[in-house]
Amino acid sequence: MSAHVVEVVPASSGARRIILVSIDWTRDKGPRLPLGHASIVAALRKAGADVRAFSFAISLVGFNEEFILRGILDSAKGRKPEQVDVSLGVFIWNDHVAKRLLVAIRRKGFQGRIVSGGPQIS
């Protein structure tokens, strides 16, 4: 399983927790952490958000949706639902996974806000 977890930087205890999930199609010579994802993480942290950022390569052997689901749910623990957002970029290569993940996190009891963006919103 190839995943990149962005370093967690503590924010104030009242800050929103944003769980930012990137499921990318990667190439051998491409960057391990997409620039767009890293830029969003930096901007959110600068704004004072408590960010938990994950980047997964859907194109690599060992990609595991259950691992992503556990990461999201574990990152939401210890926070009130109104203090937690899950954000997921949706593209043609991850649309099917994004749909399953969003249903699964609700089924597992996540009550926070879900924000998705990208060219494949459906």
C-alpha atoms as a PDB file:
ATOM      1  CA  MET A   1       0.000   0.000   0.000  1.00  0.00           C
ATOM      2  CA  SER A   2       1.514   3.235  -1.056  1.00  0.00           C
ATOM      3  CA  ALA A   3       0.273   6.135   1.005  1.00  0.00           C
ATOM      4  CA  HIS A   4       1.758   9.424   1.962  1.00  0.00           C
ATOM      5  CA  VAL A   5       0.629  10.918   5.230  1.00  0.00           C
ATOM      6  CA  VAL A   6       1.396  14.598   5.503  1.00  0.00           C
ATOM      7  CA  GLU A   7       2.988  15.568   8.815  1.00  0.00           C
ATOM      8  CA  VAL A   8       0.437  16.550  11.441  1.00  0.00           C
ATOM      9  CA  VAL A   9       0.960  20.021  12.851  1.00  0.00           C
ATOM     10  CA  PRO A  10      -1.032  20.724  16.041  1.00  0.00           C
ATOM     11  CA  ALA A  11      -3.631  23.474  15.755  1.00  0.00           C
ATOM     12  CA  SER A  12      -5.675  25.126  18.445  1.00  0.00           C
ATOM     13  CA  SER A  13      -8.087  22.770  20.195  1.00  0.00           C
ATOM     14  CA  GLY A  14     -11.080  24.678  18.823  1.00  0.00           C
ATOM     15  CA  ALA A  15      -9.923  24.540  15.213  1.00  0.00           C
ATOM     16  CA  ARG A  16     -11.927  22.560  12.682  1.00  0.00           C
ATOM     17  CA  ARG A  17     -10.364  19.231  11.844  1.00  0.00           C
ATOM     18  CA  ILE A  18     -10.183  18.756   8.119  1.00  0.00           C
ATOM     19  CA  ILE A  19      -9.406  15.284   6.840  1.00  0.00           C
ATOM     20  CA  LEU A  20      -8.076  15.878   3.348  1.00  0.00           C
ATOM     21  CA  VAL A  21      -7.904  12.756   1.196  1.00  0.00           C
ATOM     22  CA  SER A  22      -6.203  12.627  -2.170  1.00  0.00           C
ATOM     23  CA  ILE A  23      -6.559   9.493  -4.306  1.00  0.00           C
ATOM     24  CA  ASP A  24      -4.254  10.027  -7.241  1.00  0.00           C
ATOM     25  CA  TRP A  25      -3.127   8.334 -10.404  1.00  0.00           C
ATOM     26  CA  THR A  26       0.660   8.402 -10.153  1.00  0.00           C
ATOM     27  CA  ARG A  27       3.524   7.640 -12.481  1.00  0.00           C
ATOM     28  CA  ASP A  28       6.959   6.295 -11.629  1.00  0.00           C
ATOM     29  CA  LYS A  29       8.717   9.624 -12.160  1.00  0.00           C
ATOM     30  CA  GLY A  30       5.910  11.791 -10.814  1.00  0.00           C
ATOM     31  CA  PRO A  31       5.931  13.508  -7.424  1.00  0.00           C
ATOM     32  CA  ARG A  32       4.921  11.340  -4.486  1.00  0.00           C
ATOM     33  CA  LEU A  33       2.748  14.133  -3.120  1.00  0.00           C
ATOM     34  CA  PRO A  34       0.734  16.082  -5.701  1.00  0.00           C
ATOM     35  CA  LEU A  35       1.397  19.815  -5.723  1.00  0.00           C
ATOM     36  CA  GLY A  36      -2.306  20.708  -5.603  1.00  0.00           C
ATOM     37  CA  HIS A  37      -2.836  18.580  -2.491  1.00  0.00           C
ATOM     38  CA  ALA A  38       0.220  20.031  -0.752  1.00  0.00           C
ATOM     39  CA  SER A  39      -0.891  23.586  -1.612  1.00  0.00           C
ATOM     40  CA  ILE A  40      -4.350  23.045  -0.131  1.00  0.00           C
ATOM     41  CA  VAL A  41      -2.838  21.552   3.037  1.00  0.00           C
ATOM     42  CA  ALA A  42      -0.515  24.560   3.423  1.00  0.00           C
ATOM     43  CA  ALA A  43      -3.336  27.073   2.909  1.00  0.00           C
ATOM     44  CA  LEU A  44      -5.618  25.323   5.409  1.00  0.00           C
ATOM     45  CA  ARG A  45      -2.882  25.179   8.031  1.00  0.00           C
ATOM     46  CA  LYS A  46      -2.070  28.848   7.482  1.00  0.00           C
ATOM     47  CA  ALA A  47      -5.770  29.577   8.107  1.00  0.00           C
ATOM     48  CA  GLY A  48      -5.540  27.728  11.444  1.00  0.00           C
ATOM     49  CA  ALA A  49      -7.250  24.470  10.536  1.00  0.00           C
ATOM     50  CA  ASP A  50      -6.262  21.182  12.148  1.00  0.00           C
ATOM     51  CA  VAL A  51      -5.460  19.177   9.014  1.00  0.00           C
ATOM     52  CA  ARG A  52      -5.050  15.433   8.683  1.00  0.00           C
ATOM     53  CA  ALA A  53      -3.889  14.908   5.109  1.00  0.00           C
ATOM     54  CA  PHE A  54      -3.566  11.631   3.239  1.00  0.00           C
ATOM     55  CA  SER A  55      -2.438  10.917  -0.299  1.00  0.00           C
ATOM     56  CA  PHE A  56      -2.995   7.488  -1.840  1.00  0.00           C
ATOM     57  CA  ALA A  57      -1.879   6.166  -5.216  1.00  0.00           C
ATOM     58  CA  ILE A  58      -4.764   4.286  -6.806  1.00  0.00           C
ATOM     59  CA  SER A  59      -2.517   3.189  -9.671  1.00  0.00           C
ATOM     60  CA  LEU A  60      -0.103   1.192  -7.499  1.00  0.00           C
ATOM     61  CA  VAL A  61      -0.334  -2.429  -6.484  1.00  0.00           C
ATOM     62  CA  GLY A  62      -1.688  -2.777  -2.968  1.00  0.00           C
ATOM     63  CA  PHE A  63      -4.193   0.089  -3.109  1.00  0.00           C
ATOM     64  CA  ASN A  64      -6.666  -0.588  -0.313  1.00  0.00           C
ATOM     65  CA  GLU A  65      -9.970   1.229   0.244  1.00  0.00           C
ATOM     66  CA  GLU A  66     -10.391  -0.226   3.740  1.00  0.00           C
ATOM     67  CA  PHE A  67      -7.069   1.343   4.763  1.00  0.00           C
ATOM     68  CA  ILE A  68      -8.328   4.743   3.596  1.00  0.00           C
ATOM     69  CA  LEU A  69     -11.651   4.276   5.417  1.00  0.00           C
ATOM     70  CA  ARG A  70      -9.857   3.419   8.672  1.00  0.00           C
ATOM     71  CA  GLY A  71      -7.604   6.468   8.308  1.00  0.00           C
ATOM     72  CA  ILE A  72     -10.578   8.767   7.857  1.00  0.00           C
ATOM     73  CA  LEU A  73     -12.524   7.340  10.788  1.00  0.00           C
ATOM     74  CA  ASP A  74      -9.487   7.276  13.098  1.00  0.00           C
ATOM     75  CA  SER A  75      -8.735  10.917  12.240  1.00  0.00           C
ATOM     76  CA  ALA A  76     -12.282  11.931  13.193  1.00  0.00           C
ATOM     77  CA  LYS A  77     -12.144  10.298  16.629  1.00  0.00           C
ATOM     78  CA  GLY A  78     -12.218  12.555  19.647  1.00  0.00           C
ATOM     79  CA  ARG A  79     -13.971  15.427  17.861  1.00  0.00           C
ATOM     80  CA  LYS A  80     -17.583  16.532  17.801  1.00  0.00           C
ATOM     81  CA  PRO A  81     -19.241  15.931  14.406  1.00  0.00           C
ATOM     82  CA  GLU A  82     -19.684  19.663  13.801  1.00  0.00           C
ATOM     83  CA  GLN A  83     -15.905  20.131  14.169  1.00  0.00           C
ATOM     84  CA  VAL A  84     -14.852  17.608  11.502  1.00  0.00           C
ATOM     85  CA  ASP A  85     -14.877  17.816   7.718  1.00  0.00           C
ATOM     86  CA  VAL A  86     -13.809  15.136   5.265  1.00  0.00           C
ATOM     87  CA  SER A  87     -12.665  16.497   1.934  1.00  0.00           C
ATOM     88  CA  LEU A  88     -12.079  14.383  -1.134  1.00  0.00           C
ATOM     89  CA  GLY A  89     -11.093  15.309  -4.683  1.00  0.00           C
ATOM     90  CA  VAL A  90     -13.077  13.375  -7.284  1.00  0.00           C
ATOM     91  CA  PHE A  91     -11.574  12.571 -10.666  1.00  0.00           C
ATOM     92  CA  ILE A  92     -12.351  10.067 -13.408  1.00  0.00           C
ATOM     93  CA  TRP A  93      -9.774   7.617 -12.026  1.00  0.00           C
ATOM     94  CA  ASN A  94     -11.135   7.614  -8.460  1.00  0.00           C
ATOM     95  CA  ASP A  95     -14.862   8.314  -8.885  1.00  0.00           C
ATOM     96  CA  HIS A  96     -15.887   4.723  -8.133  1.00  0.00           C
ATOM     97  CA  VAL A  97     -13.707   4.609  -5.016  1.00  0.00           C
ATOM     98  CA  ALA A  98     -14.870   8.034  -3.810  1.00  0.00           C
ATOM     99  CA  LYS A  99     -18.522   7.003  -4.057  1.00  0.00           C
ATOM    100  CA  ARG A 100     -17.932   3.820  -2.052  1.00  0.00           C
ATOM    101  CA  LEU A 101     -15.871   5.648   0.585  1.00  0.00           C
ATOM    102  CA  LEU A 102     -18.461   8.358   1.119  1.00  0.00           C
ATOM    103  CA  VAL A 103     -21.210   5.777   1.626  1.00  0.00           C
ATOM    104  CA  ALA A 104     -18.968   3.701   3.902  1.00  0.00           C
ATOM    105  CA  ILE A 105     -17.982   6.555   6.227  1.00  0.00           C
ATOM    106  CA  ARG A 106     -21.653   7.407   6.778  1.00  0.00           C
ATOM    107  CA  ARG A 107     -22.498   3.750   7.417  1.00  0.00           C
ATOM    108  CA  LYS A 108     -19.700   3.617   9.981  1.00  0.00           C
ATOM    109  CA  GLY A 109     -21.245   6.557  11.840  1.00  0.00           C
ATOM    110  CA  PHE A 110     -19.381   9.626  10.607  1.00  0.00           C
ATOM    111  CA  GLN A 111     -21.699  12.610  11.114  1.00  0.00           C
ATOM    112  CA  GLY A 112     -19.421  15.478  10.125  1.00  0.00           C
ATOM    113  CA  ARG A 113     -19.499  17.515   6.956  1.00  0.00           C
ATOM    114  CA  ILE A 114     -18.328  16.005   3.673  1.00  0.00           C
ATOM    115  CA  VAL A 115     -16.836  18.312   1.067  1.00  0.00           C
ATOM    116  CA  SER A 116     -15.903  17.030  -2.340  1.00  0.00           C
ATOM    117  CA  GLY A 117     -14.603  18.816  -5.356  1.00  0.00           C
ATOM    118  CA  GLY A 118     -12.954  18.216  -8.666  1.00  0.00           C
ATOM    119  CA  PRO A 119     -13.992  17.662 -12.251  1.00  0.00           C
ATOM    120  CA  GLN A 120     -15.884  14.396 -11.673  1.00  0.00           C
ATOM    121  CA  ILE A 121     -18.440  15.443  -9.082  1.00  0.00           C
ATOM    122  CA  SER A 122     -21.517  13.322  -9.640  1.00  0.00           C
END
